[in-house]
Amino acid sequence: MRKLSIIENDDRRVFGSVRFVNAVDATLISRPLQLLAAPRLDNDPFLPLRIFHNLRGLHVIQPGTNSQKDSLKDSEEPLDDLAKYSGAFDPSPTKPGEETLTARLRVIDPSGVFLPTDFSIKLPRRSKGRDPLHSAAAPMVVKLYPSPATAVEPGWAVLRVMVWQTIDKPGGAPGETVTVPLRGAFVRALQYEDGVAAADLKLLGAGVTEWRPRLDGDAATSAEAFVALRDIAVTKWSGNMNARVLTDIQEVQLEVRFDPQFDPEAPDAIPNFTNLEEKKDPIEAVLETKTMEENGADKAAHFPIRAREHLVRRIKIDKNKELKDFEPT
């Protein structure tokens, strides 16, 4: 047996780690991802970090070096405690204090399969326990939503939802409106059940409408969200005493959430995914309502879909904040 010798032993303390997962099924994203510093707030200190991808698929965060001084703001000094923290074990370092620093990061998928996302993490993570929200021993989980260019996995039902919004025409006469793509909107597909309040409906899937500019430089004429539904049963009990015992149909109702203050034309604009998911101010939410068919009859605010089926929906939020079918001209 060949004898192994250790040439160098390098032990370093880490701040924490991040695990990126697919928002559809929570599986680990193993493809290469790019992590950058997101825009800092005025009260954020300079925080040099080193981030590397380990063999378990985690992005591990370590203190960086003070040579990363290009990010310094005026009259700002590097944090010398970071370098000392990396090499201290016994006793455990007390500076910087646990979760006293905030790192604002941006993750980008160079392949374009997943949408870019901004997130923040409190550092250093706690050295004791395995709480996934706080512990350095458990990675922080960050969900990435698929872009419209993603591949469809077997068994998924897929909704490609294009969303528009009617707004006052900029510079137009009073009452004059224009319908524009609603970029950066959060589309939620809910499992419709008769008599159940919308707030209590099960979430089947969600996606975000594309907000980034077109590669050819032309103005966007639509905003599409990829919404995968992975829990649509091939067959189930119908629950209707006057119909078939079994059915392969699932009724779905759409909800659109959007930030009226989000400007997709701003440099490096990225929607606040946390606010959209948790419906925090100033997020607005609109549930799909009944529309009129060509024959004048009411059309239900929900629609059927089957397992492995692919559907395209075109919807619009009108001036009355109602979400209805839309056919662009």
Protein backbone atom coordinates (compact mmCIF):
# COMPACT_ATOMS: atom_id res chain seq x y z
CA MET A 1 0.00 0.00 0.00
CA ARG A 2 1.34 3.39 -0.97
CA LYS A 3 2.09 5.63 1.97
CA LEU A 4 0.59 9.10 1.80
CA SER A 5 2.33 12.07 3.31
CA ILE A 6 0.72 15.40 4.14
CA ILE A 7 2.70 18.21 2.56
CA GLU A 8 0.59 21.04 3.92
CA ASN A 9 -2.33 21.25 6.31
CA ASP A 10 -4.46 24.37 5.90
CA ASP A 11 -7.33 24.81 8.37
CA ARG A 12 -9.58 27.84 8.04
CA ARG A 13 -12.78 28.91 9.70
CA VAL A 14 -15.65 29.67 7.33
CA PHE A 15 -18.44 32.21 7.62
CA GLY A 16 -21.12 29.87 6.25
CA SER A 17 -22.33 28.31 3.02
CA VAL A 18 -25.15 28.57 0.48
CA ARG A 19 -27.06 25.80 -1.28
CA PHE A 20 -28.78 26.82 -4.52
CA VAL A 21 -31.86 24.77 -5.42
CA ASN A 22 -34.37 24.65 -8.24
CA ALA A 23 -37.53 26.48 -7.14
CA VAL A 24 -39.66 23.86 -8.91
CA ASP A 25 -38.59 20.73 -7.02
CA ALA A 26 -35.95 21.91 -4.49
CA THR A 27 -33.21 19.80 -6.12
CA LEU A 28 -29.59 20.92 -5.89
CA ILE A 29 -28.34 23.04 -8.79
CA SER A 30 -24.97 21.53 -9.67
CA ARG A 31 -24.24 23.59 -12.79
CA PRO A 32 -21.61 26.35 -12.50
CA LEU A 33 -23.00 29.59 -11.08
CA GLN A 34 -21.42 33.02 -10.83
CA LEU A 35 -21.58 34.96 -7.55
CA LEU A 36 -21.06 38.70 -7.49
CA ALA A 37 -21.42 41.46 -4.94
CA ALA A 38 -24.89 42.99 -5.17
CA PRO A 39 -25.28 46.77 -4.73
CA ARG A 40 -24.56 47.76 -1.13
CA LEU A 41 -26.74 49.98 1.01
CA ASP A 42 -25.32 53.21 2.41
CA ASN A 43 -24.80 51.73 5.88
CA ASP A 44 -23.20 48.47 4.69
CA PRO A 45 -19.50 48.15 5.61
CA PHE A 46 -16.83 46.97 3.22
CA LEU A 47 -16.92 43.15 3.38
CA PRO A 48 -14.21 41.29 1.42
CA LEU A 49 -15.26 37.67 0.86
CA ARG A 50 -13.88 34.58 -0.82
CA ILE A 51 -16.49 32.15 -2.18
CA PHE A 52 -15.68 28.73 -3.60
CA HIS A 53 -17.71 25.75 -4.86
CA ASN A 54 -16.97 22.56 -2.92
CA LEU A 55 -17.46 18.90 -3.87
CA ARG A 56 -20.85 18.74 -2.11
CA GLY A 57 -22.24 21.40 -4.42
CA LEU A 58 -22.23 24.13 -1.75
CA HIS A 59 -20.87 27.64 -2.18
CA VAL A 60 -18.68 28.18 0.88
CA ILE A 61 -18.04 31.69 2.18
CA GLN A 62 -14.71 32.61 3.77
CA PRO A 63 -13.23 35.95 4.79
CA GLY A 64 -11.41 37.59 1.89
CA THR A 65 -8.36 39.81 1.95
CA ASN A 66 -7.93 43.52 2.37
CA SER A 67 -6.43 43.61 -1.12
CA GLN A 68 -10.04 43.80 -2.38
CA LYS A 69 -10.02 47.56 -1.75
CA ASP A 70 -11.55 48.59 -5.05
CA SER A 71 -15.00 48.21 -3.43
CA LEU A 72 -14.20 50.66 -0.62
CA LYS A 73 -16.39 53.71 -0.29
CA ASP A 74 -15.03 57.13 0.63
CA SER A 75 -13.65 57.33 4.18
CA GLU A 76 -14.11 53.57 4.69
CA GLU A 77 -11.59 51.22 6.26
CA PRO A 78 -11.21 47.46 5.68
CA LEU A 79 -12.36 45.10 8.42
CA ASP A 80 -9.09 43.71 9.85
CA ASP A 81 -11.04 41.35 12.11
CA LEU A 82 -11.98 39.20 9.10
CA ALA A 83 -8.46 37.88 8.48
CA LYS A 84 -8.00 37.08 12.19
CA TYR A 85 -11.36 35.27 12.26
CA SER A 86 -10.33 32.88 9.50
CA GLY A 87 -7.38 31.43 11.43
CA ALA A 88 -8.72 31.46 15.00
CA PHE A 89 -10.06 28.23 16.56
CA ASP A 90 -9.26 27.98 20.26
CA PRO A 91 -10.57 30.10 21.74
CA SER A 92 -13.29 30.90 19.23
CA PRO A 93 -13.05 34.43 17.86
CA THR A 94 -15.44 37.02 19.25
CA LYS A 95 -15.00 39.56 16.46
CA PRO A 96 -16.81 40.05 14.22
CA GLY A 97 -19.83 39.00 16.27
CA GLU A 98 -22.11 36.29 14.95
CA GLU A 99 -24.58 37.58 12.31
CA THR A 100 -23.43 41.18 12.75
CA LEU A 101 -22.43 41.63 9.10
CA THR A 102 -24.68 41.51 6.04
CA ALA A 103 -23.38 40.25 2.72
CA ARG A 104 -25.50 41.18 -0.28
CA LEU A 105 -24.82 38.82 -3.15
CA ARG A 106 -26.07 38.27 -6.69
CA VAL A 107 -26.14 34.83 -8.31
CA ILE A 108 -26.11 34.50 -12.09
CA ASP A 109 -26.47 31.36 -14.19
CA PRO A 110 -24.16 31.86 -17.21
CA SER A 111 -26.14 29.23 -19.16
CA GLY A 112 -29.38 31.24 -18.82
CA VAL A 113 -31.39 28.30 -17.48
CA PHE A 114 -32.14 30.08 -14.18
CA LEU A 115 -33.03 33.70 -13.56
CA PRO A 116 -30.52 35.86 -11.66
CA THR A 117 -31.32 36.53 -8.03
CA ASP A 118 -30.15 38.91 -5.31
CA PHE A 119 -30.03 37.64 -1.74
CA SER A 120 -28.50 38.62 1.59
CA ILE A 121 -26.92 36.49 4.30
CA LYS A 122 -25.99 37.42 7.87
CA LEU A 123 -22.35 36.62 8.66
CA PRO A 124 -20.61 34.98 10.39
CA ARG A 125 -23.23 32.26 10.79
CA ARG A 126 -23.65 30.80 14.29
CA SER A 127 -20.99 28.29 15.31
CA LYS A 128 -23.35 26.16 17.43
CA GLY A 129 -26.43 24.18 16.39
CA ARG A 130 -27.67 23.17 12.95
CA ASP A 131 -30.50 25.63 12.40
CA PRO A 132 -30.57 26.06 8.57
CA LEU A 133 -31.57 29.68 9.00
CA HIS A 134 -28.60 30.62 11.17
CA SER A 135 -25.98 27.87 11.65
CA ALA A 136 -22.60 27.72 9.92
CA ALA A 137 -22.95 23.91 9.98
CA ALA A 138 -26.06 24.04 7.74
CA PRO A 139 -26.16 25.82 4.38
CA MET A 140 -28.52 28.67 3.69
CA VAL A 141 -30.96 27.58 0.96
CA VAL A 142 -31.57 29.99 -1.94
CA LYS A 143 -34.19 29.17 -4.60
CA LEU A 144 -33.58 29.98 -8.25
CA TYR A 145 -36.54 30.25 -10.62
CA PRO A 146 -36.24 28.76 -14.11
CA SER A 147 -36.17 31.13 -17.05
CA PRO A 148 -38.41 30.63 -20.12
CA ALA A 149 -35.38 28.98 -21.78
CA THR A 150 -35.22 26.11 -19.28
CA ALA A 151 -35.67 22.47 -20.29
CA VAL A 152 -38.88 20.68 -19.27
CA GLU A 153 -38.41 17.65 -17.03
CA PRO A 154 -40.48 14.47 -17.58
CA GLY A 155 -43.78 14.50 -15.71
CA TRP A 156 -44.07 18.28 -15.44
CA ALA A 157 -47.14 20.12 -16.60
CA VAL A 158 -46.04 23.50 -17.92
CA LEU A 159 -47.69 26.91 -18.11
CA ARG A 160 -46.11 29.61 -20.21
CA VAL A 161 -47.82 32.73 -18.92
CA MET A 162 -47.47 36.09 -20.65
CA VAL A 163 -48.61 39.09 -18.61
CA TRP A 164 -49.50 42.64 -19.64
CA GLN A 165 -50.78 45.64 -17.69
CA THR A 166 -52.91 48.57 -18.77
CA ILE A 167 -51.52 51.88 -17.50
CA ASP A 168 -51.97 55.58 -18.14
CA LYS A 169 -50.13 56.49 -21.32
CA PRO A 170 -47.01 58.51 -20.48
CA GLY A 171 -47.52 62.03 -21.82
CA GLY A 172 -50.99 61.12 -23.09
CA ALA A 173 -54.30 62.85 -22.64
CA PRO A 174 -56.31 62.28 -19.43
CA GLY A 175 -57.89 58.84 -19.55
CA GLU A 176 -55.66 57.66 -22.39
CA THR A 177 -54.15 54.25 -21.67
CA VAL A 178 -51.60 51.86 -23.11
CA THR A 179 -51.08 48.13 -22.52
CA VAL A 180 -47.45 47.12 -21.84
CA PRO A 181 -45.67 43.90 -20.79
CA LEU A 182 -45.54 43.47 -17.01
CA ARG A 183 -41.88 42.54 -16.55
CA GLY A 184 -40.63 41.09 -13.27
CA ALA A 185 -44.07 39.89 -12.14
CA PHE A 186 -44.51 36.83 -9.93
CA VAL A 187 -47.04 34.35 -11.37
CA ARG A 188 -48.56 31.80 -8.96
CA ALA A 189 -50.59 28.78 -10.08
CA LEU A 190 -53.07 27.72 -7.39
CA GLN A 191 -55.00 24.45 -7.07
CA TYR A 192 -58.56 25.67 -7.45
CA GLU A 193 -61.21 24.23 -5.14
CA ASP A 194 -64.80 25.40 -5.18
CA GLY A 195 -65.75 27.31 -2.05
CA VAL A 196 -62.17 27.64 -0.75
CA ALA A 197 -60.75 31.13 -0.18
CA ALA A 198 -57.87 32.11 -2.45
CA ALA A 199 -55.54 32.52 0.55
CA ASP A 200 -56.10 28.86 1.44
CA LEU A 201 -55.54 27.37 -2.02
CA LYS A 202 -52.51 25.09 -2.47
CA LEU A 203 -49.62 26.52 -4.46
CA LEU A 204 -48.80 24.22 -7.38
CA GLY A 205 -46.03 26.25 -8.97
CA ALA A 206 -44.69 29.74 -9.58
CA GLY A 207 -42.52 31.66 -12.01
CA VAL A 208 -41.30 35.16 -12.80
CA THR A 209 -41.88 37.05 -16.04
CA GLU A 210 -38.72 37.91 -17.93
CA TRP A 211 -37.59 41.47 -17.19
CA ARG A 212 -34.16 41.59 -18.80
CA PRO A 213 -33.70 43.45 -22.11
CA ARG A 214 -33.70 41.52 -25.36
CA LEU A 215 -30.30 40.55 -26.70
CA ASP A 216 -31.07 42.18 -30.06
CA GLY A 217 -31.78 45.52 -28.37
CA ASP A 218 -35.43 45.69 -29.48
CA ALA A 219 -38.13 46.69 -27.01
CA ALA A 220 -39.87 43.78 -25.26
CA THR A 221 -43.35 43.12 -26.63
CA SER A 222 -44.24 40.48 -24.04
CA ALA A 223 -43.15 39.24 -20.61
CA GLU A 224 -43.21 35.46 -20.23
CA ALA A 225 -43.04 33.35 -17.07
CA PHE A 226 -42.19 29.65 -17.02
CA VAL A 227 -44.44 27.95 -14.44
CA ALA A 228 -43.85 24.23 -13.90
CA LEU A 229 -46.51 22.16 -12.10
CA ARG A 230 -44.91 18.96 -10.84
CA ASP A 231 -47.73 17.68 -8.58
CA ILE A 232 -50.49 17.20 -11.17
CA ALA A 233 -51.76 13.63 -10.70
CA VAL A 234 -52.26 11.45 -13.77
CA THR A 235 -55.61 10.43 -12.27
CA LYS A 236 -57.42 11.15 -9.01
CA TRP A 237 -60.82 10.96 -7.36
CA SER A 238 -63.08 13.51 -8.98
CA GLY A 239 -64.93 14.52 -5.81
CA ASN A 240 -68.05 15.18 -7.89
CA MET A 241 -70.95 12.90 -7.04
CA ASN A 242 -72.67 13.67 -10.36
CA ALA A 243 -69.64 12.99 -12.57
CA ARG A 244 -67.06 10.30 -13.20
CA VAL A 245 -65.46 8.67 -10.17
CA LEU A 246 -61.95 9.32 -11.53
CA THR A 247 -60.60 12.34 -13.39
CA ASP A 248 -57.34 13.43 -14.96
CA ILE A 249 -58.15 17.15 -14.76
CA GLN A 250 -56.82 19.66 -12.24
CA GLU A 251 -58.45 23.08 -12.08
CA VAL A 252 -55.95 25.92 -11.72
CA GLN A 253 -56.37 29.59 -10.85
CA LEU A 254 -53.69 32.21 -11.48
CA GLU A 255 -52.50 35.01 -9.24
CA VAL A 256 -50.06 37.72 -10.32
CA ARG A 257 -47.97 39.69 -7.85
CA PHE A 258 -45.92 42.69 -8.88
CA ASP A 259 -43.99 45.61 -7.45
CA PRO A 260 -45.37 48.89 -8.86
CA GLN A 261 -42.05 50.57 -7.99
CA PHE A 262 -39.87 48.07 -9.90
CA ASP A 263 -38.18 49.60 -12.95
CA PRO A 264 -36.92 46.90 -15.35
CA GLU A 265 -35.06 49.57 -17.33
CA ALA A 266 -32.84 50.49 -14.38
CA PRO A 267 -29.23 49.29 -14.64
CA ASP A 268 -28.79 45.76 -13.22
CA ALA A 269 -32.43 45.69 -12.11
CA ILE A 270 -33.55 42.46 -10.38
CA PRO A 271 -36.98 41.98 -8.73
CA ASN A 272 -37.09 41.45 -4.98
CA PHE A 273 -38.04 37.75 -4.94
CA THR A 274 -38.46 37.64 -1.16
CA ASN A 275 -40.99 40.48 -1.17
CA LEU A 276 -42.86 38.88 -4.07
CA GLU A 277 -43.05 35.48 -2.37
CA GLU A 278 -44.08 36.89 1.02
CA LYS A 279 -46.31 39.64 -0.43
CA LYS A 280 -44.60 42.43 1.47
CA ASP A 281 -45.23 46.13 0.84
CA PRO A 282 -45.39 47.55 -1.77
CA ILE A 283 -46.28 44.28 -3.56
CA GLU A 284 -49.73 44.16 -5.16
CA ALA A 285 -51.56 40.89 -5.88
CA VAL A 286 -54.30 40.30 -8.44
CA LEU A 287 -56.32 37.07 -8.71
CA GLU A 288 -57.73 35.93 -12.05
CA THR A 289 -61.39 36.96 -12.41
CA LYS A 290 -64.26 35.96 -14.66
CA THR A 291 -64.24 37.23 -18.22
CA MET A 292 -66.76 37.19 -21.05
CA GLU A 293 -66.65 34.72 -23.90
CA GLU A 294 -67.56 35.78 -27.43
CA ASN A 295 -71.10 34.45 -26.98
CA GLY A 296 -71.61 36.59 -23.92
CA ALA A 297 -71.45 33.75 -21.39
CA ASP A 298 -69.32 33.94 -18.28
CA LYS A 299 -65.94 32.24 -18.46
CA ALA A 300 -64.70 30.69 -15.23
CA ALA A 301 -61.72 32.25 -13.47
CA HIS A 302 -60.05 28.83 -13.35
CA PHE A 303 -58.99 26.49 -16.14
CA PRO A 304 -58.21 22.77 -16.50
CA ILE A 305 -54.79 21.21 -16.99
CA ARG A 306 -53.59 17.61 -17.12
CA ALA A 307 -50.34 15.95 -16.14
CA ARG A 308 -47.55 16.53 -18.69
CA GLU A 309 -49.73 19.04 -20.59
CA HIS A 310 -48.25 22.30 -21.91
CA LEU A 311 -50.47 25.40 -22.00
CA VAL A 312 -49.95 29.03 -23.00
CA ARG A 313 -51.90 31.75 -21.17
CA ARG A 314 -52.04 35.42 -22.13
CA ILE A 315 -53.46 37.60 -19.39
CA LYS A 316 -53.74 41.29 -18.59
CA ILE A 317 -54.22 43.41 -15.48
CA ASP A 318 -56.63 46.16 -16.46
CA LYS A 319 -57.14 49.61 -14.94
CA ASN A 320 -59.63 48.15 -12.46
CA LYS A 321 -56.93 45.77 -11.16
CA GLU A 322 -58.71 42.74 -12.64
CA LEU A 323 -56.77 39.88 -14.20
CA LYS A 324 -58.36 38.61 -17.41
CA ASP A 325 -57.63 36.89 -20.71
CA PHE A 326 -55.89 39.06 -23.26
CA GLU A 327 -55.17 38.79 -26.96
CA PRO A 328 -52.50 41.29 -28.04
CA THR A 329 -53.01 42.94 -31.40
